[in-house]
Amino acid sequence: MSTTAPGQRGQAGRAGAAAGAAGPAGAGPAARTAGPAAGTAGAAGPAAGTAEAAAEAAGPPAELAGRLAYLLKHAQLGLAGLTAGALEPYGVSGRELAVLTVLAGDEPASQQQAARRLGVDRTTMVALIDTLEAKGLVRRHAHAEDRRRNVVELTAAGHGTLDQAGQAAEDAERRFLAPLSPREAQRLKAALLALLQSGH
């Protein structure tokens, strides 16, 4: 395990983890009216799963192989799936790990500052902080020099989770990038970073 400070280590792996794994939307009336047909489809079981896995292994359809939006979406889904599995033993999601990473800096941060850095709205950030606080990973308190300002800091358990879960996220990223050489992986991250920093 790396000896680098938890708040400074593995930013790329944790940023990938921040995408998380989106859960399925609730089934609506259309899904409920599928009835016997849905049951028949479910009976396909392993055969259907094997076909899907084979299709994914074959790569994208030729018609979409040059579409950046398609490639980015499915690459993100692949990384998010690996990361979600890697983080499960530590009881945090990718988004929660991203919040812990941002809050682990040298200076205590407010909820608003963390929200700006992660590019999420205030309501979402409050919900994330509430969840992390309920898990005993962060605590809110008044700023030492400005009692009107509340800040959020990691607890000892939060620092431990950040270190271990951060390492797990980095390992998941390495597995995801294994088909590329180290130089290719670095060039990919540099290109994506340049796009994000361009403000598009």
Protein backbone atom coordinates (compact mmCIF):
# COMPACT_ATOMS: atom_id res chain seq x y z
CA MET A 1 0.00 0.00 0.00
CA SER A 2 1.21 3.45 -0.87
CA THR A 3 2.48 5.62 1.97
CA THR A 4 1.31 8.84 0.32
CA ALA A 5 -1.17 10.85 2.37
CA PRO A 6 -4.74 9.56 1.80
CA GLY A 7 -6.08 12.96 0.74
CA GLN A 8 -3.45 13.38 -1.97
CA ARG A 9 -3.15 9.84 -3.32
CA GLY A 10 -4.86 8.18 -6.25
CA GLN A 11 -6.90 11.13 -7.55
CA ALA A 12 -7.42 9.53 -10.96
CA GLY A 13 -8.66 6.21 -9.56
CA ARG A 14 -11.00 7.92 -7.13
CA ALA A 15 -12.30 10.26 -9.80
CA GLY A 16 -13.25 7.21 -11.84
CA ALA A 17 -14.91 5.74 -8.82
CA ALA A 18 -16.94 8.89 -8.37
CA ALA A 19 -19.08 7.83 -11.32
CA GLY A 20 -20.50 5.05 -9.11
CA ALA A 21 -22.87 2.35 -10.32
CA ALA A 22 -26.35 3.57 -11.25
CA GLY A 23 -29.09 1.36 -9.88
CA PRO A 24 -32.02 0.27 -12.03
CA ALA A 25 -35.02 2.57 -12.21
CA GLY A 26 -38.21 1.39 -10.56
CA ALA A 27 -40.35 -0.80 -12.73
CA GLY A 28 -43.42 1.01 -14.04
CA PRO A 29 -46.76 -0.23 -15.32
CA ALA A 30 -45.32 -1.32 -18.65
CA ALA A 31 -42.87 -3.61 -16.90
CA ARG A 32 -45.61 -5.06 -14.71
CA THR A 33 -47.86 -5.81 -17.69
CA ALA A 34 -45.13 -7.85 -19.39
CA GLY A 35 -46.52 -10.86 -17.50
CA PRO A 36 -45.80 -14.30 -18.98
CA ALA A 37 -43.56 -12.87 -21.67
CA ALA A 38 -41.24 -11.45 -19.02
CA GLY A 39 -41.22 -14.81 -17.27
CA THR A 40 -40.32 -16.57 -20.49
CA ALA A 41 -37.49 -14.13 -21.09
CA GLY A 42 -36.23 -14.69 -17.56
CA ALA A 43 -36.25 -18.44 -18.15
CA ALA A 44 -33.57 -17.97 -20.77
CA GLY A 45 -31.25 -17.41 -17.79
CA PRO A 46 -27.62 -18.36 -18.40
CA ALA A 47 -28.03 -18.56 -22.17
CA ALA A 48 -29.11 -14.91 -22.40
CA GLY A 49 -26.31 -13.85 -20.07
CA THR A 50 -23.76 -15.75 -22.11
CA ALA A 51 -24.97 -14.12 -25.33
CA GLU A 52 -24.72 -10.66 -23.79
CA ALA A 53 -21.23 -11.35 -22.47
CA ALA A 54 -20.14 -12.60 -25.87
CA ALA A 55 -21.53 -9.48 -27.55
CA GLU A 56 -19.69 -7.22 -25.11
CA ALA A 57 -16.45 -9.13 -25.57
CA ALA A 58 -16.75 -8.68 -29.33
CA GLY A 59 -16.65 -4.90 -28.88
CA PRO A 60 -19.01 -2.19 -30.12
CA PRO A 61 -21.03 -2.55 -33.33
CA ALA A 62 -19.09 -1.38 -36.37
CA GLU A 63 -21.60 1.43 -36.91
CA LEU A 64 -20.82 2.86 -33.45
CA ALA A 65 -17.11 2.10 -33.15
CA GLY A 66 -16.24 5.66 -34.19
CA ARG A 67 -18.83 7.44 -32.02
CA LEU A 68 -17.10 9.09 -29.08
CA ALA A 69 -20.29 9.40 -27.01
CA TYR A 70 -20.90 5.66 -27.28
CA LEU A 71 -17.31 4.78 -26.43
CA LEU A 72 -17.11 7.11 -23.45
CA LYS A 73 -20.44 5.93 -22.06
CA HIS A 74 -19.62 2.25 -22.24
CA ALA A 75 -16.06 2.73 -20.99
CA GLN A 76 -17.46 4.61 -17.98
CA LEU A 77 -20.02 1.87 -17.35
CA GLY A 78 -17.27 -0.75 -17.42
CA LEU A 79 -15.06 1.16 -14.99
CA ALA A 80 -18.02 1.99 -12.73
CA GLY A 81 -18.95 -1.69 -12.50
CA LEU A 82 -15.43 -2.71 -11.51
CA THR A 83 -15.18 0.13 -9.01
CA ALA A 84 -18.56 -0.58 -7.40
CA GLY A 85 -17.53 -4.18 -6.78
CA ALA A 86 -14.17 -3.13 -5.39
CA LEU A 87 -15.75 -0.61 -2.98
CA GLU A 88 -18.53 -2.87 -1.70
CA PRO A 89 -16.45 -4.36 1.17
CA TYR A 90 -15.80 -0.84 2.50
CA GLY A 91 -19.44 0.23 2.56
CA VAL A 92 -19.09 3.31 0.35
CA SER A 93 -20.10 4.21 -3.17
CA GLY A 94 -17.95 5.89 -5.78
CA ARG A 95 -19.63 9.25 -5.14
CA GLU A 96 -19.10 8.93 -1.40
CA LEU A 97 -15.44 8.10 -1.96
CA ALA A 98 -15.10 11.19 -4.13
CA VAL A 99 -16.55 13.32 -1.31
CA LEU A 100 -14.14 11.80 1.22
CA THR A 101 -11.25 12.53 -1.15
CA VAL A 102 -12.24 16.19 -1.53
CA LEU A 103 -12.77 16.63 2.22
CA ALA A 104 -9.40 15.10 3.09
CA GLY A 105 -7.43 18.21 2.13
CA ASP A 106 -5.23 20.20 4.49
CA GLU A 107 -7.92 22.84 5.10
CA PRO A 108 -11.40 21.97 6.42
CA ALA A 109 -14.02 22.50 3.72
CA SER A 110 -17.65 23.51 3.88
CA GLN A 111 -20.41 21.55 2.16
CA GLN A 112 -20.69 24.31 -0.43
CA GLN A 113 -16.97 24.18 -1.22
CA ALA A 114 -17.06 20.41 -1.60
CA ALA A 115 -20.11 20.69 -3.87
CA ARG A 116 -18.36 23.22 -6.12
CA ARG A 117 -15.23 21.10 -6.39
CA LEU A 118 -17.23 18.01 -7.37
CA GLY A 119 -19.66 19.88 -9.60
CA VAL A 120 -22.81 18.74 -7.80
CA ASP A 121 -25.73 20.76 -6.48
CA ARG A 122 -26.07 21.71 -2.82
CA THR A 123 -29.03 19.37 -2.17
CA THR A 124 -27.11 16.36 -3.47
CA MET A 125 -24.06 17.26 -1.41
CA VAL A 126 -26.12 17.63 1.78
CA ALA A 127 -27.56 14.15 1.20
CA LEU A 128 -24.08 12.69 0.62
CA ILE A 129 -22.68 14.33 3.75
CA ASP A 130 -25.71 13.14 5.77
CA THR A 131 -25.03 9.57 4.62
CA LEU A 132 -21.31 9.76 5.40
CA GLU A 133 -22.03 11.29 8.81
CA ALA A 134 -24.50 8.49 9.59
CA LYS A 135 -21.73 6.01 8.75
CA GLY A 136 -19.37 7.75 11.15
CA LEU A 137 -16.96 8.78 8.38
CA VAL A 138 -17.31 12.58 8.63
CA ARG A 139 -18.41 15.15 11.22
CA ARG A 140 -19.75 18.67 10.94
CA HIS A 141 -18.59 21.42 13.28
CA ALA A 142 -18.18 25.18 13.46
CA HIS A 143 -15.01 26.64 11.90
CA ALA A 144 -12.37 27.41 14.54
CA GLU A 145 -11.96 31.02 13.38
CA ASP A 146 -15.46 31.74 12.10
CA ARG A 147 -18.21 30.24 14.24
CA ARG A 148 -20.83 31.23 11.67
CA ARG A 149 -19.30 28.86 9.16
CA ASN A 150 -19.73 25.10 9.36
CA VAL A 151 -17.08 22.78 7.98
CA VAL A 152 -16.92 19.04 7.40
CA GLU A 153 -13.94 16.89 8.34
CA LEU A 154 -13.15 13.19 8.12
CA THR A 155 -13.20 11.16 11.33
CA ALA A 156 -10.47 8.62 12.07
CA ALA A 157 -12.75 5.97 10.57
CA GLY A 158 -13.22 8.19 7.52
CA HIS A 159 -9.48 8.48 6.97
CA GLY A 160 -9.12 4.71 7.28
CA THR A 161 -11.94 4.10 4.82
CA LEU A 162 -10.52 6.64 2.39
CA ASP A 163 -7.13 4.94 2.46
CA GLN A 164 -8.44 1.40 1.99
CA ALA A 165 -11.32 2.16 -0.39
CA GLY A 166 -9.09 4.56 -2.36
CA GLN A 167 -6.55 1.78 -2.86
CA ALA A 168 -9.32 -0.59 -3.96
CA ALA A 169 -10.57 1.98 -6.51
CA GLU A 170 -7.06 2.43 -7.88
CA ASP A 171 -6.68 -1.34 -8.21
CA ALA A 172 -10.01 -1.47 -10.11
CA GLU A 173 -8.76 1.26 -12.43
CA ARG A 174 -5.55 -0.66 -13.11
CA ARG A 175 -7.57 -3.75 -14.01
CA PHE A 176 -9.75 -1.70 -16.31
CA LEU A 177 -6.72 -0.18 -18.06
CA ALA A 178 -4.81 -3.47 -18.25
CA PRO A 179 -5.33 -3.83 -22.05
CA LEU A 180 -3.36 -0.58 -22.51
CA SER A 181 0.33 0.02 -21.99
CA PRO A 182 1.25 2.39 -19.14
CA ARG A 183 2.05 5.07 -21.71
CA GLU A 184 -1.29 4.60 -23.49
CA ALA A 185 -3.17 4.74 -20.19
CA GLN A 186 -1.43 7.98 -19.23
CA ARG A 187 -2.13 9.53 -22.64
CA LEU A 188 -5.82 8.56 -22.35
CA LYS A 189 -6.14 10.25 -18.95
CA ALA A 190 -4.23 13.31 -20.15
CA ALA A 191 -6.52 13.65 -23.19
CA LEU A 192 -9.68 13.35 -21.10
CA LEU A 193 -8.35 15.86 -18.59
CA ALA A 194 -7.59 18.32 -21.39
CA LEU A 195 -11.16 17.99 -22.66
CA LEU A 196 -12.61 18.59 -19.19
CA GLN A 197 -10.37 21.59 -18.57
CA SER A 198 -11.37 23.14 -21.89
CA GLY A 199 -14.74 24.03 -20.40
CA HIS A 200 -16.93 22.18 -22.92
